[in-house]
Amino acid sequence: MSRSATIQRKTAETDIELTLELDGSGIASVSTGVGFLDHMLTLLTRHGAFDLSVRATGDLHIDDHHTVEDVGICLGLAIQQAVGDKRGICRYGAMTLPMDETLVTTALDLSGRPAFVWNVQIPTEKIGTFDSQLAAEFWNAVSSNGRMNFHALLHYGANSHHIVEAVFKAAGRSLRAAVSRDPRMGDQLPSTKESL
């Protein structure tokens, strides 16, 4: 059975169509109008071994905020939908990932309970034209709408681009682990509550 989802979301601020295939091969087709976000989503897709298509238009004449946050909302909804009833998945995923001088850990739990912890200090306000604060806004939106625990921790690092890139790569690896099927679990839910 295909573990995929297509989310369409249109507001007065953005118009987004996002398709996610969890059991993909790392193929990204992304166009949001925000170049740095496109780059990060492409990295996320490759390291998550997903297939991801995103087409977004937004009020970029104001700033990138609504587009970045709303793409995060759509990605979270797609993860939640594509993973289905969560039977037989690993549920948890974590990765400590180096990116040159930077070291980042992300950890997540597809628990059905949103929780977001961002312990990532980005040293500059901008990465090119991208507002650095939007990295946290994006992952908060993914976490809330994907109904997952998401933790990001910067151990150390100096370059803002490397720091955010490491978060997205580590998150891709963490998601890949969490949604992976556990052959020892069969179709059991990975919870003693029998509910996720």
C-alpha atoms as a PDB file:
ATOM      1  CA  MET A   1       0.000   0.000   0.000  1.00  0.00           C
ATOM      2  CA  SER A   2       1.352   3.399  -0.967  1.00  0.00           C
ATOM      3  CA  ARG A   3       2.147   5.686   1.943  1.00  0.00           C
ATOM      4  CA  SER A   4       1.517   8.991   0.269  1.00  0.00           C
ATOM      5  CA  ALA A   5      -0.509  12.144   0.705  1.00  0.00           C
ATOM      6  CA  THR A   6      -1.434  15.234  -1.270  1.00  0.00           C
ATOM      7  CA  ILE A   7      -2.303  18.395   0.616  1.00  0.00           C
ATOM      8  CA  GLN A   8      -3.890  21.435  -1.015  1.00  0.00           C
ATOM      9  CA  ARG A   9      -4.116  24.584   1.065  1.00  0.00           C
ATOM     10  CA  LYS A  10      -5.283  27.965  -0.165  1.00  0.00           C
ATOM     11  CA  THR A  11      -5.609  31.085   1.969  1.00  0.00           C
ATOM     12  CA  ALA A  12      -5.563  34.815   1.321  1.00  0.00           C
ATOM     13  CA  GLU A  13      -1.783  34.625   1.853  1.00  0.00           C
ATOM     14  CA  THR A  14      -0.655  31.407   0.134  1.00  0.00           C
ATOM     15  CA  ASP A  15      -1.699  28.761  -2.383  1.00  0.00           C
ATOM     16  CA  ILE A  16       0.103  25.445  -1.890  1.00  0.00           C
ATOM     17  CA  GLU A  17      -0.048  21.936  -3.314  1.00  0.00           C
ATOM     18  CA  LEU A  18       2.276  19.402  -1.694  1.00  0.00           C
ATOM     19  CA  THR A  19       2.623  15.679  -2.439  1.00  0.00           C
ATOM     20  CA  LEU A  20       4.688  13.373  -0.237  1.00  0.00           C
ATOM     21  CA  GLU A  21       5.602   9.726  -0.869  1.00  0.00           C
ATOM     22  CA  LEU A  22       7.254   8.232   2.218  1.00  0.00           C
ATOM     23  CA  ASP A  23       8.631   5.193   0.390  1.00  0.00           C
ATOM     24  CA  GLY A  24      10.377   7.171  -2.303  1.00  0.00           C
ATOM     25  CA  SER A  25      13.921   7.512  -3.553  1.00  0.00           C
ATOM     26  CA  GLY A  26      14.862  11.065  -2.596  1.00  0.00           C
ATOM     27  CA  ILE A  27      13.368  12.891  -5.585  1.00  0.00           C
ATOM     28  CA  ALA A  28      12.364  16.511  -4.962  1.00  0.00           C
ATOM     29  CA  SER A  29      10.462  18.870  -7.248  1.00  0.00           C
ATOM     30  CA  VAL A  30      10.129  22.057  -5.251  1.00  0.00           C
ATOM     31  CA  SER A  31       9.145  25.597  -6.206  1.00  0.00           C
ATOM     32  CA  THR A  32       8.072  27.920  -3.396  1.00  0.00           C
ATOM     33  CA  GLY A  33       9.499  31.240  -4.554  1.00  0.00           C
ATOM     34  CA  VAL A  34      11.841  31.135  -1.529  1.00  0.00           C
ATOM     35  CA  GLY A  35      15.168  29.894  -2.856  1.00  0.00           C
ATOM     36  CA  PHE A  36      16.704  28.925   0.468  1.00  0.00           C
ATOM     37  CA  LEU A  37      13.587  26.969   1.470  1.00  0.00           C
ATOM     38  CA  ASP A  38      13.663  25.127  -1.872  1.00  0.00           C
ATOM     39  CA  HIS A  39      17.291  24.178  -1.179  1.00  0.00           C
ATOM     40  CA  MET A  40      16.463  22.948   2.347  1.00  0.00           C
ATOM     41  CA  LEU A  41      13.442  20.919   1.191  1.00  0.00           C
ATOM     42  CA  THR A  42      15.561  19.281  -1.492  1.00  0.00           C
ATOM     43  CA  LEU A  43      18.123  18.267   1.148  1.00  0.00           C
ATOM     44  CA  LEU A  44      15.383  17.024   3.472  1.00  0.00           C
ATOM     45  CA  THR A  45      13.908  14.895   0.703  1.00  0.00           C
ATOM     46  CA  ARG A  46      17.207  13.333  -0.340  1.00  0.00           C
ATOM     47  CA  HIS A  47      18.250  12.447   3.206  1.00  0.00           C
ATOM     48  CA  GLY A  48      14.756  11.277   4.123  1.00  0.00           C
ATOM     49  CA  ALA A  49      14.572   9.095   0.987  1.00  0.00           C
ATOM     50  CA  PHE A  50      11.106  10.526   0.344  1.00  0.00           C
ATOM     51  CA  ASP A  51       9.652  11.858  -2.864  1.00  0.00           C
ATOM     52  CA  LEU A  52       8.362  15.389  -2.439  1.00  0.00           C
ATOM     53  CA  SER A  53       6.614  17.784  -4.795  1.00  0.00           C
ATOM     54  CA  VAL A  54       5.781  21.313  -3.656  1.00  0.00           C
ATOM     55  CA  ARG A  55       4.240  24.140  -5.648  1.00  0.00           C
ATOM     56  CA  ALA A  56       3.635  27.282  -3.637  1.00  0.00           C
ATOM     57  CA  THR A  57       2.789  30.881  -4.350  1.00  0.00           C
ATOM     58  CA  GLY A  58       2.575  33.382  -1.558  1.00  0.00           C
ATOM     59  CA  ASP A  59       2.656  37.031  -0.554  1.00  0.00           C
ATOM     60  CA  LEU A  60       6.420  37.316  -0.967  1.00  0.00           C
ATOM     61  CA  HIS A  61       6.033  41.048  -1.616  1.00  0.00           C
ATOM     62  CA  ILE A  62       5.418  41.269   2.147  1.00  0.00           C
ATOM     63  CA  ASP A  63       8.044  38.745   3.271  1.00  0.00           C
ATOM     64  CA  ASP A  64       8.718  34.993   3.249  1.00  0.00           C
ATOM     65  CA  HIS A  65       7.008  34.227   6.556  1.00  0.00           C
ATOM     66  CA  HIS A  66       3.575  33.062   5.401  1.00  0.00           C
ATOM     67  CA  THR A  67       4.977  30.910   2.597  1.00  0.00           C
ATOM     68  CA  VAL A  68       7.584  29.192   4.804  1.00  0.00           C
ATOM     69  CA  GLU A  69       5.155  28.560   7.656  1.00  0.00           C
ATOM     70  CA  ASP A  70       2.352  27.348   5.391  1.00  0.00           C
ATOM     71  CA  VAL A  71       4.630  24.925   3.546  1.00  0.00           C
ATOM     72  CA  GLY A  72       5.561  23.593   6.998  1.00  0.00           C
ATOM     73  CA  ILE A  73       1.872  23.194   7.823  1.00  0.00           C
ATOM     74  CA  CYS A  74       1.300  21.254   4.598  1.00  0.00           C
ATOM     75  CA  LEU A  75       4.341  19.023   5.131  1.00  0.00           C
ATOM     76  CA  GLY A  76       3.214  18.198   8.664  1.00  0.00           C
ATOM     77  CA  LEU A  77      -0.294  17.340   7.471  1.00  0.00           C
ATOM     78  CA  ALA A  78       1.155  15.174   4.693  1.00  0.00           C
ATOM     79  CA  ILE A  79       3.388  13.244   7.101  1.00  0.00           C
ATOM     80  CA  GLN A  80       0.462  12.644   9.453  1.00  0.00           C
ATOM     81  CA  GLN A  81      -1.755  11.453   6.596  1.00  0.00           C
ATOM     82  CA  ALA A  82       0.856   9.371   4.762  1.00  0.00           C
ATOM     83  CA  VAL A  83       2.015   7.458   7.835  1.00  0.00           C
ATOM     84  CA  GLY A  84      -1.552   6.212   8.326  1.00  0.00           C
ATOM     85  CA  ASP A  85      -2.420   4.251  11.459  1.00  0.00           C
ATOM     86  CA  LYS A  86       1.304   3.902  12.328  1.00  0.00           C
ATOM     87  CA  ARG A  87       1.121   0.134  12.687  1.00  0.00           C
ATOM     88  CA  GLY A  88       4.485  -1.503  12.216  1.00  0.00           C
ATOM     89  CA  ILE A  89       6.555   1.683  12.041  1.00  0.00           C
ATOM     90  CA  CYS A  90       9.588   2.454  14.182  1.00  0.00           C
ATOM     91  CA  ARG A  91       7.889   5.638  15.494  1.00  0.00           C
ATOM     92  CA  TYR A  92      11.101   7.232  16.826  1.00  0.00           C
ATOM     93  CA  GLY A  93      13.985   8.701  14.891  1.00  0.00           C
ATOM     94  CA  ALA A  94      17.105  10.623  15.844  1.00  0.00           C
ATOM     95  CA  MET A  95      20.286  11.735  14.138  1.00  0.00           C
ATOM     96  CA  THR A  96      23.380  13.606  15.219  1.00  0.00           C
ATOM     97  CA  LEU A  97      24.768  15.051  12.030  1.00  0.00           C
ATOM     98  CA  PRO A  98      27.975  16.945  11.237  1.00  0.00           C
ATOM     99  CA  MET A  99      28.054  19.699   8.648  1.00  0.00           C
ATOM    100  CA  ASP A 100      31.616  20.958   8.422  1.00  0.00           C
ATOM    101  CA  GLU A 101      32.228  22.860  11.699  1.00  0.00           C
ATOM    102  CA  THR A 102      28.630  22.340  12.855  1.00  0.00           C
ATOM    103  CA  LEU A 103      27.097  19.487  14.840  1.00  0.00           C
ATOM    104  CA  VAL A 104      23.303  19.169  15.212  1.00  0.00           C
ATOM    105  CA  THR A 105      20.977  16.571  16.721  1.00  0.00           C
ATOM    106  CA  THR A 106      17.333  16.179  15.791  1.00  0.00           C
ATOM    107  CA  ALA A 107      15.036  13.697  17.509  1.00  0.00           C
ATOM    108  CA  LEU A 108      11.363  13.038  16.904  1.00  0.00           C
ATOM    109  CA  ASP A 109       8.484  10.867  18.008  1.00  0.00           C
ATOM    110  CA  LEU A 110       5.417  10.303  15.847  1.00  0.00           C
ATOM    111  CA  SER A 111       3.389  10.149  19.041  1.00  0.00           C
ATOM    112  CA  GLY A 112       0.273  12.014  17.975  1.00  0.00           C
ATOM    113  CA  ARG A 113       1.180  14.689  20.534  1.00  0.00           C
ATOM    114  CA  PRO A 114       2.718  17.894  19.196  1.00  0.00           C
ATOM    115  CA  ALA A 115       5.725  19.164  21.138  1.00  0.00           C
ATOM    116  CA  PHE A 116       8.419  21.444  19.770  1.00  0.00           C
ATOM    117  CA  VAL A 117      11.805  22.228  21.297  1.00  0.00           C
ATOM    118  CA  TRP A 118      14.241  24.421  19.355  1.00  0.00           C
ATOM    119  CA  ASN A 119      17.620  24.792  20.990  1.00  0.00           C
ATOM    120  CA  VAL A 120      19.358  26.195  17.916  1.00  0.00           C
ATOM    121  CA  GLN A 121      21.029  29.579  18.075  1.00  0.00           C
ATOM    122  CA  ILE A 122      21.600  30.920  14.571  1.00  0.00           C
ATOM    123  CA  PRO A 123      24.309  33.598  14.695  1.00  0.00           C
ATOM    124  CA  THR A 124      23.012  35.862  11.901  1.00  0.00           C
ATOM    125  CA  GLU A 125      19.556  37.330  11.284  1.00  0.00           C
ATOM    126  CA  LYS A 126      19.742  36.523   7.579  1.00  0.00           C
ATOM    127  CA  ILE A 127      21.068  33.710   5.421  1.00  0.00           C
ATOM    128  CA  GLY A 128      21.292  35.530   2.134  1.00  0.00           C
ATOM    129  CA  THR A 129      17.811  37.066   1.966  1.00  0.00           C
ATOM    130  CA  PHE A 130      16.244  34.354   4.166  1.00  0.00           C
ATOM    131  CA  ASP A 131      15.133  35.356   7.679  1.00  0.00           C
ATOM    132  CA  SER A 132      16.928  32.900   9.994  1.00  0.00           C
ATOM    133  CA  GLN A 133      14.009  32.864  12.462  1.00  0.00           C
ATOM    134  CA  LEU A 134      11.865  31.180   9.810  1.00  0.00           C
ATOM    135  CA  ALA A 135      13.748  27.892  10.249  1.00  0.00           C
ATOM    136  CA  ALA A 136      12.156  27.495  13.680  1.00  0.00           C
ATOM    137  CA  GLU A 137       8.767  28.647  12.358  1.00  0.00           C
ATOM    138  CA  PHE A 138       8.913  25.985   9.654  1.00  0.00           C
ATOM    139  CA  TRP A 139       9.702  23.117  12.028  1.00  0.00           C
ATOM    140  CA  ASN A 140       7.179  24.292  14.602  1.00  0.00           C
ATOM    141  CA  ALA A 141       4.517  24.151  11.876  1.00  0.00           C
ATOM    142  CA  VAL A 142       5.656  20.656  10.805  1.00  0.00           C
ATOM    143  CA  SER A 143       5.620  19.442  14.407  1.00  0.00           C
ATOM    144  CA  SER A 144       2.195  20.881  15.236  1.00  0.00           C
ATOM    145  CA  ASN A 145       0.472  19.674  12.089  1.00  0.00           C
ATOM    146  CA  GLY A 146       2.331  16.364  11.920  1.00  0.00           C
ATOM    147  CA  ARG A 147       1.355  15.764  15.559  1.00  0.00           C
ATOM    148  CA  MET A 148       4.887  14.828  16.534  1.00  0.00           C
ATOM    149  CA  ASN A 149       7.503  15.622  19.132  1.00  0.00           C
ATOM    150  CA  PHE A 150      10.332  17.461  17.381  1.00  0.00           C
ATOM    151  CA  HIS A 151      13.551  18.438  19.130  1.00  0.00           C
ATOM    152  CA  ALA A 152      16.488  20.222  17.514  1.00  0.00           C
ATOM    153  CA  LEU A 153      19.756  20.860  19.339  1.00  0.00           C
ATOM    154  CA  LEU A 154      22.794  22.723  18.060  1.00  0.00           C
ATOM    155  CA  HIS A 155      25.859  21.366  19.853  1.00  0.00           C
ATOM    156  CA  TYR A 156      28.167  23.871  18.183  1.00  0.00           C
ATOM    157  CA  GLY A 157      28.624  25.701  14.913  1.00  0.00           C
ATOM    158  CA  ALA A 158      29.551  29.069  13.476  1.00  0.00           C
ATOM    159  CA  ASN A 159      28.093  29.320   9.970  1.00  0.00           C
ATOM    160  CA  SER A 160      24.365  30.057   9.800  1.00  0.00           C
ATOM    161  CA  HIS A 161      23.870  28.257   6.484  1.00  0.00           C
ATOM    162  CA  HIS A 162      25.628  25.144   7.808  1.00  0.00           C
ATOM    163  CA  ILE A 163      23.553  25.180  11.000  1.00  0.00           C
ATOM    164  CA  VAL A 164      20.173  25.294   9.252  1.00  0.00           C
ATOM    165  CA  GLU A 165      21.321  22.836   6.583  1.00  0.00           C
ATOM    166  CA  ALA A 166      22.415  20.401   9.299  1.00  0.00           C
ATOM    167  CA  VAL A 167      18.987  20.668  10.949  1.00  0.00           C
ATOM    168  CA  PHE A 168      17.176  19.844   7.700  1.00  0.00           C
ATOM    169  CA  LYS A 169      19.515  16.969   6.827  1.00  0.00           C
ATOM    170  CA  ALA A 170      19.304  15.523  10.342  1.00  0.00           C
ATOM    171  CA  ALA A 171      15.523  15.920  10.330  1.00  0.00           C
ATOM    172  CA  GLY A 172      15.347  14.032   7.031  1.00  0.00           C
ATOM    173  CA  ARG A 173      17.336  11.169   8.522  1.00  0.00           C
ATOM    174  CA  SER A 174      15.240  11.223  11.715  1.00  0.00           C
ATOM    175  CA  LEU A 175      11.968  11.131   9.775  1.00  0.00           C
ATOM    176  CA  ARG A 176      13.297   8.361   7.570  1.00  0.00           C
ATOM    177  CA  ALA A 177      14.025   6.250  10.653  1.00  0.00           C
ATOM    178  CA  ALA A 178      10.713   7.049  12.360  1.00  0.00           C
ATOM    179  CA  VAL A 179       8.481   6.152   9.402  1.00  0.00           C
ATOM    180  CA  SER A 180      10.471   3.045   8.501  1.00  0.00           C
ATOM    181  CA  ARG A 181       8.721  -0.270   8.914  1.00  0.00           C
ATOM    182  CA  ASP A 182      10.009  -2.447  11.761  1.00  0.00           C
ATOM    183  CA  PRO A 183       9.956  -6.051  10.509  1.00  0.00           C
ATOM    184  CA  ARG A 184       9.911  -7.350  14.097  1.00  0.00           C
ATOM    185  CA  MET A 185       6.704  -5.458  14.906  1.00  0.00           C
ATOM    186  CA  GLY A 186       4.483  -6.817  12.133  1.00  0.00           C
ATOM    187  CA  ASP A 187       1.316  -4.702  12.231  1.00  0.00           C
ATOM    188  CA  GLN A 188       1.561  -3.884  15.917  1.00  0.00           C
ATOM    189  CA  LEU A 189       1.319  -0.293  17.100  1.00  0.00           C
ATOM    190  CA  PRO A 190       4.599   0.875  18.627  1.00  0.00           C
ATOM    191  CA  SER A 191       2.828   1.827  21.879  1.00  0.00           C
ATOM    192  CA  THR A 192       1.617  -0.046  24.958  1.00  0.00           C
ATOM    193  CA  LYS A 193      -1.400   2.287  24.919  1.00  0.00           C
ATOM    194  CA  GLU A 194      -2.514   0.629  21.643  1.00  0.00           C
ATOM    195  CA  SER A 195      -3.234   4.136  20.372  1.00  0.00           C
ATOM    196  CA  LEU A 196      -1.097   6.756  18.647  1.00  0.00           C
END
